[in-house]
Amino acid sequence: MYVDPAHRRHGVGRALLRAVADRAGQAGAVRVELSTDKTNEQAQALYESEGFVTGLPVRHYLRPISLR
């Protein structure tokens, strides 16, 4: 999820989170998972204020692909 900086602090991210959770519940999901960079404290505060809790850490692997 990404909110353009010009539209932050206006409830857009919160509305998106709630809409996703509502749709997921209607579709039969039992939870919503999301991730963010550990330095993104603003996003973490939003997620926690919406009832999300920290789960297990996940490793993210990258491998560059060179063009030949």
PDB file of N, CA and C in Angstrom:
ATOM      1  N   MET A   1       0.847  -1.163   0.000  1.00  0.00           N
ATOM      2  CA  MET A   1       0.000   0.000   0.000  1.00  0.00           C
ATOM      3  C   MET A   1       0.891   1.224   0.000  1.00  0.00           C
ATOM      4  N   TYR A   2       0.488   2.221  -0.757  1.00  0.00           N
ATOM      5  CA  TYR A   2       1.262   3.454  -0.819  1.00  0.00           C
ATOM      6  C   TYR A   2       0.299   4.625  -0.917  1.00  0.00           C
ATOM      7  N   VAL A   3       0.555   5.637  -0.123  1.00  0.00           N
ATOM      8  CA  VAL A   3      -0.229   6.871  -0.193  1.00  0.00           C
ATOM      9  C   VAL A   3       0.727   7.991  -0.583  1.00  0.00           C
ATOM     10  N   ASP A   4       0.383   8.701  -1.620  1.00  0.00           N
ATOM     11  CA  ASP A   4       1.199   9.821  -2.086  1.00  0.00           C
ATOM     12  C   ASP A   4       1.412  10.800  -0.930  1.00  0.00           C
ATOM     13  N   PRO A   5       2.625  11.290  -0.760  1.00  0.00           N
ATOM     14  CA  PRO A   5       2.903  12.212   0.345  1.00  0.00           C
ATOM     15  C   PRO A   5       1.941  13.401   0.423  1.00  0.00           C
ATOM     16  N   ALA A   6       1.462  13.876  -0.703  1.00  0.00           N
ATOM     17  CA  ALA A   6       0.537  15.017  -0.702  1.00  0.00           C
ATOM     18  C   ALA A   6      -0.807  14.669  -0.069  1.00  0.00           C
ATOM     19  N   HIS A   7      -1.100  13.367   0.048  1.00  0.00           N
ATOM     20  CA  HIS A   7      -2.396  12.945   0.584  1.00  0.00           C
ATOM     21  C   HIS A   7      -2.289  12.259   1.944  1.00  0.00           C
ATOM     22  N   ARG A   8      -1.108  12.249   2.512  1.00  0.00           N
ATOM     23  CA  ARG A   8      -0.930  11.643   3.834  1.00  0.00           C
ATOM     24  C   ARG A   8      -1.483  12.563   4.910  1.00  0.00           C
ATOM     25  N   ARG A   9      -1.788  11.953   6.049  1.00  0.00           N
ATOM     26  CA  ARG A   9      -2.334  12.671   7.214  1.00  0.00           C
ATOM     27  C   ARG A   9      -3.744  13.203   6.950  1.00  0.00           C
ATOM     28  N   HIS A  10      -4.452  12.561   5.996  1.00  0.00           N
ATOM     29  CA  HIS A  10      -5.832  12.950   5.696  1.00  0.00           C
ATOM     30  C   HIS A  10      -6.780  11.755   5.804  1.00  0.00           C
ATOM     31  N   GLY A  11      -6.302  10.645   6.371  1.00  0.00           N
ATOM     32  CA  GLY A  11      -7.149   9.474   6.562  1.00  0.00           C
ATOM     33  C   GLY A  11      -7.213   8.525   5.376  1.00  0.00           C
ATOM     34  N   VAL A  12      -6.429   8.793   4.338  1.00  0.00           N
ATOM     35  CA  VAL A  12      -6.465   7.947   3.143  1.00  0.00           C
ATOM     36  C   VAL A  12      -5.946   6.544   3.452  1.00  0.00           C
ATOM     37  N   GLY A  13      -4.801   6.453   4.097  1.00  0.00           N
ATOM     38  CA  GLY A  13      -4.241   5.146   4.440  1.00  0.00           C
ATOM     39  C   GLY A  13      -5.160   4.361   5.354  1.00  0.00           C
ATOM     40  N   ARG A  14      -5.728   5.025   6.333  1.00  0.00           N
ATOM     41  CA  ARG A  14      -6.653   4.367   7.260  1.00  0.00           C
ATOM     42  C   ARG A  14      -7.878   3.840   6.511  1.00  0.00           C
ATOM     43  N   ALA A  15      -8.410   4.652   5.601  1.00  0.00           N
ATOM     44  CA  ALA A  15      -9.575   4.225   4.811  1.00  0.00           C
ATOM     45  C   ALA A  15      -9.228   3.024   3.936  1.00  0.00           C
ATOM     46  N   LEU A  16      -8.036   3.031   3.347  1.00  0.00           N
ATOM     47  CA  LEU A  16      -7.612   1.894   2.527  1.00  0.00           C
ATOM     48  C   LEU A  16      -7.485   0.625   3.369  1.00  0.00           C
ATOM     49  N   LEU A  17      -6.855   0.728   4.528  1.00  0.00           N
ATOM     50  CA  LEU A  17      -6.719  -0.435   5.412  1.00  0.00           C
ATOM     51  C   LEU A  17      -8.079  -1.001   5.796  1.00  0.00           C
ATOM     52  N   ARG A  18      -8.994  -0.140   6.150  1.00  0.00           N
ATOM     53  CA  ARG A  18     -10.324  -0.598   6.554  1.00  0.00           C
ATOM     54  C   ARG A  18     -11.074  -1.232   5.388  1.00  0.00           C
ATOM     55  N   ALA A  19     -10.943  -0.643   4.205  1.00  0.00           N
ATOM     56  CA  ALA A  19     -11.614  -1.201   3.029  1.00  0.00           C
ATOM     57  C   ALA A  19     -11.063  -2.586   2.695  1.00  0.00           C
ATOM     58  N   VAL A  20      -9.753  -2.738   2.772  1.00  0.00           N
ATOM     59  CA  VAL A  20      -9.140  -4.041   2.505  1.00  0.00           C
ATOM     60  C   VAL A  20      -9.612  -5.069   3.527  1.00  0.00           C
ATOM     61  N   ALA A  21      -9.611  -4.705   4.800  1.00  0.00           N
ATOM     62  CA  ALA A  21     -10.045  -5.630   5.847  1.00  0.00           C
ATOM     63  C   ALA A  21     -11.508  -6.017   5.657  1.00  0.00           C
ATOM     64  N   ASP A  22     -12.349  -5.055   5.309  1.00  0.00           N
ATOM     65  CA  ASP A  22     -13.764  -5.347   5.070  1.00  0.00           C
ATOM     66  C   ASP A  22     -13.932  -6.314   3.904  1.00  0.00           C
ATOM     67  N   ARG A  23     -13.264  -6.031   2.796  1.00  0.00           N
ATOM     68  CA  ARG A  23     -13.353  -6.901   1.611  1.00  0.00           C
ATOM     69  C   ARG A  23     -12.814  -8.291   1.910  1.00  0.00           C
ATOM     70  N   ALA A  24     -11.703  -8.346   2.618  1.00  0.00           N
ATOM     71  CA  ALA A  24     -11.112  -9.641   2.954  1.00  0.00           C
ATOM     72  C   ALA A  24     -12.074 -10.462   3.805  1.00  0.00           C
ATOM     73  N   GLY A  25     -12.685  -9.823   4.790  1.00  0.00           N
ATOM     74  CA  GLY A  25     -13.654 -10.518   5.630  1.00  0.00           C
ATOM     75  C   GLY A  25     -14.849 -11.012   4.838  1.00  0.00           C
ATOM     76  N   GLN A  26     -15.347 -10.191   3.931  1.00  0.00           N
ATOM     77  CA  GLN A  26     -16.471 -10.589   3.083  1.00  0.00           C
ATOM     78  C   GLN A  26     -16.107 -11.774   2.191  1.00  0.00           C
ATOM     79  N   ALA A  27     -14.842 -11.860   1.824  1.00  0.00           N
ATOM     80  CA  ALA A  27     -14.377 -12.947   0.964  1.00  0.00           C
ATOM     81  C   ALA A  27     -14.030 -14.209   1.757  1.00  0.00           C
ATOM     82  N   GLY A  28     -14.174 -14.146   3.084  1.00  0.00           N
ATOM     83  CA  GLY A  28     -13.923 -15.310   3.917  1.00  0.00           C
ATOM     84  C   GLY A  28     -12.537 -15.390   4.525  1.00  0.00           C
ATOM     85  N   ALA A  29     -11.730 -14.361   4.342  1.00  0.00           N
ATOM     86  CA  ALA A  29     -10.386 -14.371   4.935  1.00  0.00           C
ATOM     87  C   ALA A  29     -10.490 -14.281   6.451  1.00  0.00           C
ATOM     88  N   VAL A  30      -9.536 -14.871   7.123  1.00  0.00           N
ATOM     89  CA  VAL A  30      -9.531 -14.835   8.587  1.00  0.00           C
ATOM     90  C   VAL A  30      -8.521 -13.839   9.133  1.00  0.00           C
ATOM     91  N   ARG A  31      -7.663 -13.315   8.262  1.00  0.00           N
ATOM     92  CA  ARG A  31      -6.716 -12.290   8.693  1.00  0.00           C
ATOM     93  C   ARG A  31      -6.192 -11.537   7.471  1.00  0.00           C
ATOM     94  N   VAL A  32      -5.624 -10.392   7.745  1.00  0.00           N
ATOM     95  CA  VAL A  32      -4.948  -9.587   6.730  1.00  0.00           C
ATOM     96  C   VAL A  32      -3.496  -9.474   7.169  1.00  0.00           C
ATOM     97  N   GLU A  33      -2.594  -9.725   6.259  1.00  0.00           N
ATOM     98  CA  GLU A  33      -1.170  -9.597   6.552  1.00  0.00           C
ATOM     99  C   GLU A  33      -0.590  -8.476   5.711  1.00  0.00           C
ATOM    100  N   LEU A  34       0.335  -7.756   6.295  1.00  0.00           N
ATOM    101  CA  LEU A  34       1.043  -6.726   5.547  1.00  0.00           C
ATOM    102  C   LEU A  34       2.445  -6.609   6.097  1.00  0.00           C
ATOM    103  N   SER A  35       3.282  -5.920   5.367  1.00  0.00           N
ATOM    104  CA  SER A  35       4.657  -5.730   5.826  1.00  0.00           C
ATOM    105  C   SER A  35       5.109  -4.324   5.475  1.00  0.00           C
ATOM    106  N   THR A  36       6.121  -3.885   6.193  1.00  0.00           N
ATOM    107  CA  THR A  36       6.709  -2.581   5.936  1.00  0.00           C
ATOM    108  C   THR A  36       8.167  -2.621   6.352  1.00  0.00           C
ATOM    109  N   ASP A  37       8.923  -1.703   5.850  1.00  0.00           N
ATOM    110  CA  ASP A  37      10.319  -1.603   6.249  1.00  0.00           C
ATOM    111  C   ASP A  37      10.381  -1.285   7.739  1.00  0.00           C
ATOM    112  N   LYS A  38      11.360  -1.849   8.420  1.00  0.00           N
ATOM    113  CA  LYS A  38      11.442  -1.636   9.869  1.00  0.00           C
ATOM    114  C   LYS A  38      11.712  -0.188  10.248  1.00  0.00           C
ATOM    115  N   THR A  39      12.130   0.631   9.304  1.00  0.00           N
ATOM    116  CA  THR A  39      12.367   2.047   9.592  1.00  0.00           C
ATOM    117  C   THR A  39      11.146   2.926   9.322  1.00  0.00           C
ATOM    118  N   ASN A  40      10.081   2.349   8.779  1.00  0.00           N
ATOM    119  CA  ASN A  40       8.891   3.129   8.427  1.00  0.00           C
ATOM    120  C   ASN A  40       7.966   3.237   9.644  1.00  0.00           C
ATOM    121  N   GLU A  41       8.361   4.071  10.569  1.00  0.00           N
ATOM    122  CA  GLU A  41       7.630   4.202  11.830  1.00  0.00           C
ATOM    123  C   GLU A  41       6.237   4.789  11.640  1.00  0.00           C
ATOM    124  N   GLN A  42       6.064   5.652  10.655  1.00  0.00           N
ATOM    125  CA  GLN A  42       4.751   6.251  10.411  1.00  0.00           C
ATOM    126  C   GLN A  42       3.746   5.169  10.000  1.00  0.00           C
ATOM    127  N   ALA A  43       4.154   4.283   9.103  1.00  0.00           N
ATOM    128  CA  ALA A  43       3.271   3.197   8.681  1.00  0.00           C
ATOM    129  C   ALA A  43       2.995   2.251   9.847  1.00  0.00           C
ATOM    130  N   GLN A  44       4.019   1.935  10.614  1.00  0.00           N
ATOM    131  CA  GLN A  44       3.842   1.032  11.747  1.00  0.00           C
ATOM    132  C   GLN A  44       2.839   1.595  12.743  1.00  0.00           C
ATOM    133  N   ALA A  45       2.916   2.883  12.998  1.00  0.00           N
ATOM    134  CA  ALA A  45       1.975   3.512  13.930  1.00  0.00           C
ATOM    135  C   ALA A  45       0.546   3.409  13.399  1.00  0.00           C
ATOM    136  N   LEU A  46       0.373   3.617  12.101  1.00  0.00           N
ATOM    137  CA  LEU A  46      -0.957   3.486  11.501  1.00  0.00           C
ATOM    138  C   LEU A  46      -1.467   2.063  11.649  1.00  0.00           C
ATOM    139  N   TYR A  47      -0.649   1.085  11.283  1.00  0.00           N
ATOM    140  CA  TYR A  47      -1.079  -0.309  11.347  1.00  0.00           C
ATOM    141  C   TYR A  47      -1.449  -0.700  12.772  1.00  0.00           C
ATOM    142  N   GLU A  48      -0.629  -0.315  13.732  1.00  0.00           N
ATOM    143  CA  GLU A  48      -0.909  -0.658  15.124  1.00  0.00           C
ATOM    144  C   GLU A  48      -2.170   0.031  15.622  1.00  0.00           C
ATOM    145  N   SER A  49      -2.418   1.256  15.175  1.00  0.00           N
ATOM    146  CA  SER A  49      -3.635   1.959  15.595  1.00  0.00           C
ATOM    147  C   SER A  49      -4.886   1.309  15.017  1.00  0.00           C
ATOM    148  N   GLU A  50      -4.708   0.502  13.971  1.00  0.00           N
ATOM    149  CA  GLU A  50      -5.829  -0.213  13.356  1.00  0.00           C
ATOM    150  C   GLU A  50      -5.921  -1.659  13.835  1.00  0.00           C
ATOM    151  N   GLY A  51      -5.150  -1.988  14.875  1.00  0.00           N
ATOM    152  CA  GLY A  51      -5.264  -3.304  15.490  1.00  0.00           C
ATOM    153  C   GLY A  51      -4.298  -4.360  14.981  1.00  0.00           C
ATOM    154  N   PHE A  52      -3.419  -4.008  14.060  1.00  0.00           N
ATOM    155  CA  PHE A  52      -2.420  -4.961  13.588  1.00  0.00           C
ATOM    156  C   PHE A  52      -1.361  -5.142  14.666  1.00  0.00           C
ATOM    157  N   VAL A  53      -0.836  -6.349  14.766  1.00  0.00           N
ATOM    158  CA  VAL A  53       0.232  -6.645  15.717  1.00  0.00           C
ATOM    159  C   VAL A  53       1.428  -7.196  14.951  1.00  0.00           C
ATOM    160  N   THR A  54       2.595  -7.054  15.543  1.00  0.00           N
ATOM    161  CA  THR A  54       3.815  -7.535  14.911  1.00  0.00           C
ATOM    162  C   THR A  54       3.840  -9.051  14.931  1.00  0.00           C
ATOM    163  N   GLY A  55       4.142  -9.624  13.780  1.00  0.00           N
ATOM    164  CA  GLY A  55       4.267 -11.074  13.667  1.00  0.00           C
ATOM    165  C   GLY A  55       5.727 -11.475  13.634  1.00  0.00           C
ATOM    166  N   LEU A  56       5.964 -12.643  13.131  1.00  0.00           N
ATOM    167  CA  LEU A  56       7.332 -13.139  13.023  1.00  0.00           C
ATOM    168  C   LEU A  56       8.086 -12.394  11.933  1.00  0.00           C
ATOM    169  N   PRO A  57       9.378 -12.175  12.145  1.00  0.00           N
ATOM    170  CA  PRO A  57      10.164 -11.513  11.098  1.00  0.00           C
ATOM    171  C   PRO A  57      10.269 -12.401   9.859  1.00  0.00           C
ATOM    172  N   VAL A  58      10.314 -11.769   8.717  1.00  0.00           N
ATOM    173  CA  VAL A  58      10.410 -12.480   7.443  1.00  0.00           C
ATOM    174  C   VAL A  58      11.663 -12.009   6.721  1.00  0.00           C
ATOM    175  N   ARG A  59      12.389 -12.915   6.152  1.00  0.00           N
ATOM    176  CA  ARG A  59      13.563 -12.547   5.355  1.00  0.00           C
ATOM    177  C   ARG A  59      13.124 -12.341   3.919  1.00  0.00           C
ATOM    178  N   HIS A  60      13.642 -11.300   3.327  1.00  0.00           N
ATOM    179  CA  HIS A  60      13.330 -10.959   1.943  1.00  0.00           C
ATOM    180  C   HIS A  60      14.604 -11.156   1.132  1.00  0.00           C
ATOM    181  N   TYR A  61      14.552 -12.018   0.134  1.00  0.00           N
ATOM    182  CA  TYR A  61      15.734 -12.314  -0.671  1.00  0.00           C
ATOM    183  C   TYR A  61      15.629 -11.646  -2.034  1.00  0.00           C
ATOM    184  N   LEU A  62      16.741 -11.083  -2.484  1.00  0.00           N
ATOM    185  CA  LEU A  62      16.826 -10.437  -3.788  1.00  0.00           C
ATOM    186  C   LEU A  62      17.996 -11.028  -4.556  1.00  0.00           C
ATOM    187  N   ARG A  63      17.833 -11.112  -5.854  1.00  0.00           N
ATOM    188  CA  ARG A  63      18.938 -11.548  -6.702  1.00  0.00           C
ATOM    189  C   ARG A  63      18.921 -10.708  -7.964  1.00  0.00           C
ATOM    190  N   PRO A  64      19.969  -9.936  -8.190  1.00  0.00           N
ATOM    191  CA  PRO A  64      20.023  -9.140  -9.411  1.00  0.00           C
ATOM    192  C   PRO A  64      20.063 -10.037 -10.646  1.00  0.00           C
ATOM    193  N   ILE A  65      19.436  -9.580 -11.690  1.00  0.00           N
ATOM    194  CA  ILE A  65      19.470 -10.283 -12.967  1.00  0.00           C
ATOM    195  C   ILE A  65      20.166  -9.376 -13.958  1.00  0.00           C
ATOM    196  N   SER A  66      21.272  -9.844 -14.469  1.00  0.00           N
ATOM    197  CA  SER A  66      22.007  -9.021 -15.432  1.00  0.00           C
ATOM    198  C   SER A  66      21.510  -9.333 -16.841  1.00  0.00           C
ATOM    199  N   LEU A  67      21.417  -8.304 -17.636  1.00  0.00           N
ATOM    200  CA  LEU A  67      21.017  -8.472 -19.027  1.00  0.00           C
ATOM    201  C   LEU A  67      22.225  -8.892 -19.838  1.00  0.00           C
ATOM    202  N   ARG A  68      22.064  -9.852 -20.684  1.00  0.00           N
ATOM    203  CA  ARG A  68      23.193 -10.334 -21.501  1.00  0.00           C
ATOM    204  C   ARG A  68      22.950 -10.047 -22.952  1.00  0.00           C
TER     205      ARG A  68
END
